[in-house]
Amino acid sequence: MSSIFSKIISGEIASYKIAEDAKHLAFLDAMPLVKGHTLVVPKKEVDLIFDLDTEDYKDLWAFAQSVAKQIQKAVPCKRVGIAVVGLEVPHAHIHLVPLNEISDLNFSNVRLKLSPEEYKEIQQSIINA
């Protein structure tokens, strides 16, 4: 079940990494809803988030929590929203989206087109938070 996320995890496809440990990776969304929109994925290839075993599920959410706290410090927002959709990529993942308005979490919104410099600036601000 090799997905685009598996290729990002293996380094075949470049990404703007925010955080990583032995079991998880967080990186900026290539088509963000807002600046700072980050994806958190398990390195293990599992399509549905609820198919993760209980310990892996808990570990994924704990990792996402730590990344959300970094985003909250680095990106001007009222809070960091979360979404688990799973329709677009067959690999379990959590969207962490900086929110100032409820509409910031609307996946029907036009996605931002950021320059590599903007991605790098956002990446560094979150890493350094």
C-alpha atoms as a PDB file:
ATOM      1  CA  MET A   1       0.000   0.000   0.000  1.00  0.00           C
ATOM      2  CA  SER A   2       2.728   2.506  -0.813  1.00  0.00           C
ATOM      3  CA  SER A   3       1.202   5.968  -0.603  1.00  0.00           C
ATOM      4  CA  ILE A   4       2.610   9.434  -1.190  1.00  0.00           C
ATOM      5  CA  PHE A   5       3.094   9.617   2.596  1.00  0.00           C
ATOM      6  CA  SER A   6       5.186   6.431   2.533  1.00  0.00           C
ATOM      7  CA  LYS A   7       7.365   8.082  -0.105  1.00  0.00           C
ATOM      8  CA  ILE A   8       7.705  11.199   2.064  1.00  0.00           C
ATOM      9  CA  ILE A   9       8.613   9.038   5.076  1.00  0.00           C
ATOM     10  CA  SER A  10      11.270   7.169   3.080  1.00  0.00           C
ATOM     11  CA  GLY A  11      12.691  10.408   1.668  1.00  0.00           C
ATOM     12  CA  GLU A  12      11.737   9.632  -1.940  1.00  0.00           C
ATOM     13  CA  ILE A  13       9.617  12.799  -1.963  1.00  0.00           C
ATOM     14  CA  ALA A  14      10.842  15.965  -0.255  1.00  0.00           C
ATOM     15  CA  SER A  15       8.783  17.621   2.455  1.00  0.00           C
ATOM     16  CA  TYR A  16       9.021  20.387   5.004  1.00  0.00           C
ATOM     17  CA  LYS A  17       9.477  18.307   8.154  1.00  0.00           C
ATOM     18  CA  ILE A  18       8.354  19.768  11.445  1.00  0.00           C
ATOM     19  CA  ALA A  19       9.022  16.877  13.845  1.00  0.00           C
ATOM     20  CA  GLU A  20      10.004  13.229  13.710  1.00  0.00           C
ATOM     21  CA  ASP A  21      10.565  10.307  16.011  1.00  0.00           C
ATOM     22  CA  ALA A  22      11.001   6.580  15.454  1.00  0.00           C
ATOM     23  CA  LYS A  23       7.281   6.009  14.790  1.00  0.00           C
ATOM     24  CA  HIS A  24       5.899   9.324  13.456  1.00  0.00           C
ATOM     25  CA  LEU A  25       6.496  12.207  11.098  1.00  0.00           C
ATOM     26  CA  ALA A  26       4.954  15.694  10.981  1.00  0.00           C
ATOM     27  CA  PHE A  27       5.345  17.869   7.893  1.00  0.00           C
ATOM     28  CA  LEU A  28       3.724  20.898   6.324  1.00  0.00           C
ATOM     29  CA  ASP A  29       0.777  20.151   4.036  1.00  0.00           C
ATOM     30  CA  ALA A  30       1.695  20.691   0.371  1.00  0.00           C
ATOM     31  CA  MET A  31      -1.751  22.217  -0.228  1.00  0.00           C
ATOM     32  CA  PRO A  32      -2.490  23.991   3.060  1.00  0.00           C
ATOM     33  CA  LEU A  33      -5.795  25.471   4.128  1.00  0.00           C
ATOM     34  CA  VAL A  34      -3.855  28.120   6.096  1.00  0.00           C
ATOM     35  CA  LYS A  35      -0.213  28.815   6.880  1.00  0.00           C
ATOM     36  CA  GLY A  36       1.086  26.222   9.339  1.00  0.00           C
ATOM     37  CA  HIS A  37      -1.323  23.439   8.246  1.00  0.00           C
ATOM     38  CA  THR A  38       0.597  20.313   9.226  1.00  0.00           C
ATOM     39  CA  LEU A  39       0.077  16.594   8.668  1.00  0.00           C
ATOM     40  CA  VAL A  40       0.985  14.034  11.317  1.00  0.00           C
ATOM     41  CA  VAL A  41       1.425  10.464  10.124  1.00  0.00           C
ATOM     42  CA  PRO A  42       2.516   7.152  11.576  1.00  0.00           C
ATOM     43  CA  LYS A  43       5.507   5.710   9.759  1.00  0.00           C
ATOM     44  CA  LYS A  44       3.747   2.362   9.743  1.00  0.00           C
ATOM     45  CA  GLU A  45       1.608   1.971   6.621  1.00  0.00           C
ATOM     46  CA  VAL A  46      -1.966   1.778   7.869  1.00  0.00           C
ATOM     47  CA  ASP A  47      -4.845   3.108   5.770  1.00  0.00           C
ATOM     48  CA  LEU A  48      -7.487   3.802   8.425  1.00  0.00           C
ATOM     49  CA  ILE A  49      -6.576   5.567  11.661  1.00  0.00           C
ATOM     50  CA  PHE A  50      -8.896   3.286  13.649  1.00  0.00           C
ATOM     51  CA  ASP A  51      -7.003   0.247  12.333  1.00  0.00           C
ATOM     52  CA  LEU A  52      -3.906   1.249  14.298  1.00  0.00           C
ATOM     53  CA  ASP A  53      -3.441  -0.944  17.344  1.00  0.00           C
ATOM     54  CA  THR A  54      -4.339   0.772  20.604  1.00  0.00           C
ATOM     55  CA  GLU A  55      -0.787   1.661  21.653  1.00  0.00           C
ATOM     56  CA  ASP A  56       0.134   3.011  18.203  1.00  0.00           C
ATOM     57  CA  TYR A  57      -3.107   5.030  18.168  1.00  0.00           C
ATOM     58  CA  LYS A  58      -2.335   6.580  21.568  1.00  0.00           C
ATOM     59  CA  ASP A  59       1.271   7.279  20.557  1.00  0.00           C
ATOM     60  CA  LEU A  60       0.146   9.001  17.341  1.00  0.00           C
ATOM     61  CA  TRP A  61      -2.172  11.337  19.250  1.00  0.00           C
ATOM     62  CA  ALA A  62       0.493  12.094  21.860  1.00  0.00           C
ATOM     63  CA  PHE A  63       2.935  12.982  19.079  1.00  0.00           C
ATOM     64  CA  ALA A  64       0.271  15.143  17.392  1.00  0.00           C
ATOM     65  CA  GLN A  65      -0.347  16.926  20.691  1.00  0.00           C
ATOM     66  CA  SER A  66       3.311  17.912  21.007  1.00  0.00           C
ATOM     67  CA  VAL A  67       3.381  19.149  17.396  1.00  0.00           C
ATOM     68  CA  ALA A  68       0.143  21.130  17.917  1.00  0.00           C
ATOM     69  CA  LYS A  69       1.724  22.886  20.891  1.00  0.00           C
ATOM     70  CA  GLN A  70       4.696  23.902  18.722  1.00  0.00           C
ATOM     71  CA  ILE A  71       2.344  25.206  16.029  1.00  0.00           C
ATOM     72  CA  GLN A  72       0.318  27.153  18.623  1.00  0.00           C
ATOM     73  CA  LYS A  73       3.492  28.934  19.776  1.00  0.00           C
ATOM     74  CA  ALA A  74       4.747  29.698  16.260  1.00  0.00           C
ATOM     75  CA  VAL A  75       1.691  30.555  14.172  1.00  0.00           C
ATOM     76  CA  PRO A  76      -0.642  33.420  15.105  1.00  0.00           C
ATOM     77  CA  CYS A  77      -3.939  31.657  15.786  1.00  0.00           C
ATOM     78  CA  LYS A  78      -6.661  31.293  18.389  1.00  0.00           C
ATOM     79  CA  ARG A  79      -6.161  27.527  18.540  1.00  0.00           C
ATOM     80  CA  VAL A  80      -5.022  24.542  16.522  1.00  0.00           C
ATOM     81  CA  GLY A  81      -7.880  22.521  15.077  1.00  0.00           C
ATOM     82  CA  ILE A  82      -7.720  18.861  14.171  1.00  0.00           C
ATOM     83  CA  ALA A  83      -9.311  16.760  11.471  1.00  0.00           C
ATOM     84  CA  VAL A  84      -9.084  13.138  10.481  1.00  0.00           C
ATOM     85  CA  VAL A  85     -10.606  12.700   7.043  1.00  0.00           C
ATOM     86  CA  GLY A  86      -8.668   9.951   5.318  1.00  0.00           C
ATOM     87  CA  LEU A  87     -10.312  10.133   1.905  1.00  0.00           C
ATOM     88  CA  GLU A  88      -7.519  11.761  -0.059  1.00  0.00           C
ATOM     89  CA  VAL A  89      -4.524   9.551   0.870  1.00  0.00           C
ATOM     90  CA  PRO A  90      -4.759   5.889   1.940  1.00  0.00           C
ATOM     91  CA  HIS A  91      -2.439   6.354   4.927  1.00  0.00           C
ATOM     92  CA  ALA A  92      -3.647   7.287   8.424  1.00  0.00           C
ATOM     93  CA  HIS A  93      -3.021  10.961   9.161  1.00  0.00           C
ATOM     94  CA  ILE A  94      -4.101  13.863  11.322  1.00  0.00           C
ATOM     95  CA  HIS A  95      -4.498  17.415  10.024  1.00  0.00           C
ATOM     96  CA  LEU A  96      -3.364  20.118  12.466  1.00  0.00           C
ATOM     97  CA  VAL A  97      -4.743  23.447  11.270  1.00  0.00           C
ATOM     98  CA  PRO A  98      -4.112  26.829  12.920  1.00  0.00           C
ATOM     99  CA  LEU A  99      -7.542  28.426  13.379  1.00  0.00           C
ATOM    100  CA  ASN A 100      -8.697  31.986  13.700  1.00  0.00           C
ATOM    101  CA  GLU A 101     -12.168  31.295  12.328  1.00  0.00           C
ATOM    102  CA  ILE A 102     -14.227  28.115  11.989  1.00  0.00           C
ATOM    103  CA  SER A 103     -14.036  28.504   8.206  1.00  0.00           C
ATOM    104  CA  ASP A 104     -10.261  27.921   8.374  1.00  0.00           C
ATOM    105  CA  LEU A 105     -11.034  24.206   8.742  1.00  0.00           C
ATOM    106  CA  ASN A 106     -13.240  23.980   5.644  1.00  0.00           C
ATOM    107  CA  PHE A 107     -11.631  21.536   3.213  1.00  0.00           C
ATOM    108  CA  SER A 108     -13.718  23.020   0.387  1.00  0.00           C
ATOM    109  CA  ASN A 109     -11.750  26.282   0.663  1.00  0.00           C
ATOM    110  CA  VAL A 110      -9.245  27.161  -2.021  1.00  0.00           C
ATOM    111  CA  ARG A 111      -5.848  25.919  -0.894  1.00  0.00           C
ATOM    112  CA  LEU A 112      -2.910  28.272  -0.461  1.00  0.00           C
ATOM    113  CA  LYS A 113      -0.044  28.317  -2.921  1.00  0.00           C
ATOM    114  CA  LEU A 114       3.107  29.107  -0.964  1.00  0.00           C
ATOM    115  CA  SER A 115       6.618  29.701  -2.236  1.00  0.00           C
ATOM    116  CA  PRO A 116       9.481  27.490  -1.066  1.00  0.00           C
ATOM    117  CA  GLU A 117      10.712  30.473   0.975  1.00  0.00           C
ATOM    118  CA  GLU A 118       7.346  30.779   2.736  1.00  0.00           C
ATOM    119  CA  TYR A 119       7.337  27.050   3.517  1.00  0.00           C
ATOM    120  CA  LYS A 120      10.877  27.269   4.918  1.00  0.00           C
ATOM    121  CA  GLU A 121       9.984  30.290   7.048  1.00  0.00           C
ATOM    122  CA  ILE A 122       6.928  28.539   8.503  1.00  0.00           C
ATOM    123  CA  GLN A 123       8.895  25.309   9.002  1.00  0.00           C
ATOM    124  CA  GLN A 124      11.663  27.075  10.896  1.00  0.00           C
ATOM    125  CA  SER A 125       9.284  29.082  13.061  1.00  0.00           C
ATOM    126  CA  ILE A 126       7.498  25.899  14.165  1.00  0.00           C
ATOM    127  CA  ILE A 127      10.712  23.933  14.701  1.00  0.00           C
ATOM    128  CA  ASN A 128      12.169  26.774  16.753  1.00  0.00           C
ATOM    129  CA  ALA A 129       9.012  27.336  18.837  1.00  0.00           C
END
